[in-house]
Structure formats: structure tokens, C-alpha cells
Amino acid sequence: MNVGIDIDATITETPEFFALLTRALREAGHRVYVVSYRDKADIDKSRAEVDEHGITYDDLFHPEDGEDIPGFKARMARELELDVFFDDMPEAFIEMPPGVKRFWLCDPEVYNLKRMIDALGPGMLKFGGGEEG
């Protein structure tokens, strides 16, 4: 399995959890990639921060100049053949390839989940096997 994890408000929100998760994944033979929308010039700083949090990973990536968040994260998901992606921004999942399982770290102080669900409108949500309910 290939797993992608964002840094800001994801790893930094629950570093102990991600340190444990990444160590277990790597020990089980899975690949872990840190994919963060930070300035490419800060990649060494990001590596030091992730290492300080105890994250075990295969590689770390920042966007190329001019890439937007959804495009960058989707590109990395395709190139790294990610199976799972952890991020705090639902917008990061907009262009994600269909097979990638998305784990959203929802901070209720930042995102009002009820307001987001209500904004989808009636009939937009499907539960259990694709049937509306």
C-alpha cells in the first residue's frame, strides 16, 4: 500500500498518531510519502520538521511553481500510485484519482461539517451501496 500524508494541520495536528501510523506502515512493508503544499525552497526545513515529529517516510514532496493545491496533490497521488491520502483540506481531494481513499482530518473550528453537508443539497449524498437515503 502507498500512503500520502500532508504536513500542516495533519501531521502537525496529531504528530503522535502519525508517528505511530507511519512506523507501523513502514515496518509492514508499505510506502509512506509526505506530500505538502509548501514552498519548494523550504523542503529541507520540512524534512527537519517531519523528522522531529518522528514520522517514518520514504520521501517528501512540495509543488512545482504555479501548481494549485488540488492539482499538485492529484498529480502526486497518480505519480506515487497512492492508495490512501490524509489531508486537512477537503479541497485537496477535488481532483484526486477515483481509487484513492481519502481521510479528512476535520477541525470543527475550521470546517463546519453540517454546513458543508447542507451545501451539497438534497439528493447529493448517497449512503450504503450508492443508494440515496
Protein backbone atom coordinates (compact mmCIF):
# COMPACT_ATOMS: atom_id res chain seq x y z
CA MET A 1 0.00 0.00 0.00
CA ASN A 2 1.17 3.56 -0.77
CA VAL A 3 0.11 6.25 1.70
CA GLY A 4 0.30 10.03 1.32
CA ILE A 5 0.17 12.42 4.27
CA ASP A 6 0.02 16.22 4.40
CA ILE A 7 2.08 18.17 6.96
CA ASP A 8 0.24 21.32 8.05
CA ALA A 9 -2.84 20.71 10.21
CA THR A 10 -2.48 16.99 9.53
CA ILE A 11 0.85 15.67 10.83
CA THR A 12 1.22 18.83 12.92
CA GLU A 13 -2.28 18.37 14.38
CA THR A 14 -1.69 14.83 15.69
CA PRO A 15 2.04 14.08 15.37
CA GLU A 16 1.99 11.18 17.85
CA PHE A 17 -0.70 9.40 15.83
CA PHE A 18 1.13 9.85 12.53
CA ALA A 19 4.48 8.83 14.04
CA LEU A 20 2.90 5.59 15.25
CA LEU A 21 0.97 5.04 12.00
CA THR A 22 3.93 5.69 9.70
CA ARG A 23 6.26 3.49 11.73
CA ALA A 24 3.75 0.62 11.65
CA LEU A 25 3.11 1.04 7.93
CA ARG A 26 6.81 1.06 7.05
CA GLU A 27 7.52 -1.94 9.31
CA ALA A 28 4.74 -3.81 7.49
CA GLY A 29 6.40 -3.05 4.13
CA HIS A 30 4.17 -0.20 2.96
CA ARG A 31 5.41 3.05 1.46
CA VAL A 32 4.74 6.43 3.08
CA TYR A 33 5.07 9.76 1.31
CA VAL A 34 4.77 13.22 2.81
CA VAL A 35 3.02 15.50 0.30
CA SER A 36 2.71 19.10 1.42
CA TYR A 37 1.77 22.34 -0.30
CA ARG A 38 4.73 24.33 0.97
CA ASP A 39 7.26 26.35 -0.97
CA LYS A 40 9.73 24.05 -2.71
CA ALA A 41 12.63 26.14 -1.35
CA ASP A 42 11.61 25.06 2.18
CA ILE A 43 11.90 21.32 1.56
CA ASP A 44 14.89 20.88 3.90
CA LYS A 45 13.02 22.73 6.66
CA SER A 46 10.01 20.47 6.06
CA ARG A 47 12.17 17.33 6.25
CA ALA A 48 13.63 18.51 9.57
CA GLU A 49 10.16 19.24 10.97
CA VAL A 50 8.73 15.89 9.87
CA ASP A 51 11.77 14.09 11.29
CA GLU A 52 11.34 16.00 14.56
CA HIS A 53 7.76 14.68 14.77
CA GLY A 54 9.09 11.13 14.45
CA ILE A 55 7.46 10.46 11.08
CA THR A 56 8.88 7.47 9.17
CA TYR A 57 8.60 8.05 5.43
CA ASP A 58 10.07 7.18 2.05
CA ASP A 59 10.13 10.64 0.51
CA LEU A 60 8.76 14.16 0.85
CA PHE A 61 7.34 16.35 -1.93
CA HIS A 62 6.46 20.03 -2.43
CA PRO A 63 4.75 21.52 -5.51
CA GLU A 64 6.35 22.93 -8.59
CA ASP A 65 5.92 26.68 -9.15
CA GLY A 66 2.42 27.58 -10.27
CA GLU A 67 0.67 24.36 -9.18
CA ASP A 68 -2.55 24.72 -7.26
CA ILE A 69 -3.34 22.54 -4.25
CA PRO A 70 -5.83 20.11 -5.85
CA GLY A 71 -3.71 19.72 -8.99
CA PHE A 72 -0.49 19.13 -7.07
CA LYS A 73 -2.00 16.61 -4.66
CA ALA A 74 -3.77 14.76 -7.50
CA ARG A 75 -0.56 14.66 -9.55
CA MET A 76 1.35 13.20 -6.63
CA ALA A 77 -1.40 10.65 -5.98
CA ARG A 78 -1.12 9.48 -9.60
CA GLU A 79 2.69 9.51 -9.77
CA LEU A 80 3.13 7.75 -6.42
CA GLU A 81 0.18 5.41 -7.07
CA LEU A 82 -1.30 6.31 -3.71
CA ASP A 83 -3.94 4.07 -2.19
CA VAL A 84 -4.69 6.38 0.75
CA PHE A 85 -4.27 10.11 1.38
CA PHE A 86 -4.57 12.03 4.67
CA ASP A 87 -5.23 15.79 4.49
CA ASP A 88 -6.98 18.52 6.46
CA MET A 89 -8.35 20.33 3.39
CA PRO A 90 -11.30 18.78 1.56
CA GLU A 91 -10.35 20.99 -1.40
CA ALA A 92 -7.18 18.92 -1.74
CA PHE A 93 -9.33 15.94 -2.74
CA ILE A 94 -11.20 17.62 -5.61
CA GLU A 95 -9.02 16.23 -8.42
CA MET A 96 -7.80 13.11 -6.60
CA PRO A 97 -7.89 9.93 -8.76
CA PRO A 98 -11.03 7.86 -8.07
CA GLY A 99 -9.27 4.87 -6.48
CA VAL A 100 -7.57 6.88 -3.74
CA LYS A 101 -9.20 6.54 -0.31
CA ARG A 102 -9.30 9.95 1.35
CA PHE A 103 -9.03 10.59 5.07
CA TRP A 104 -10.06 14.10 6.02
CA LEU A 105 -8.86 15.46 9.36
CA CYS A 106 -11.80 17.73 10.07
CA ASP A 107 -11.17 20.51 12.54
CA PRO A 108 -14.63 21.70 13.68
CA GLU A 109 -13.20 25.15 14.42
CA VAL A 110 -12.18 25.50 10.78
CA TYR A 111 -14.81 23.48 8.90
CA ASN A 112 -18.45 23.26 9.88
CA LEU A 113 -19.29 19.75 8.65
CA LYS A 114 -23.08 20.24 8.89
CA ARG A 115 -22.86 23.43 6.81
CA MET A 116 -20.77 21.60 4.21
CA ILE A 117 -23.20 18.68 4.02
CA ASP A 118 -26.19 21.04 3.82
CA ALA A 119 -24.47 22.90 0.97
CA LEU A 120 -24.45 19.71 -1.08
CA GLY A 121 -28.24 19.87 -1.18
CA PRO A 122 -30.85 17.12 -1.21
CA GLY A 123 -30.04 14.09 -3.28
CA MET A 124 -26.30 14.79 -3.41
CA LEU A 125 -25.37 12.39 -0.65
CA LYS A 126 -25.60 8.66 -1.20
CA PHE A 127 -25.37 6.11 1.57
CA GLY A 128 -24.78 2.36 1.53
CA GLY A 129 -24.14 0.84 -1.88
CA GLY A 130 -24.77 4.05 -3.77
CA GLU A 131 -28.48 4.30 -2.97
CA GLU A 132 -29.94 7.54 -1.73
CA GLY A 133 -31.22 7.53 1.79
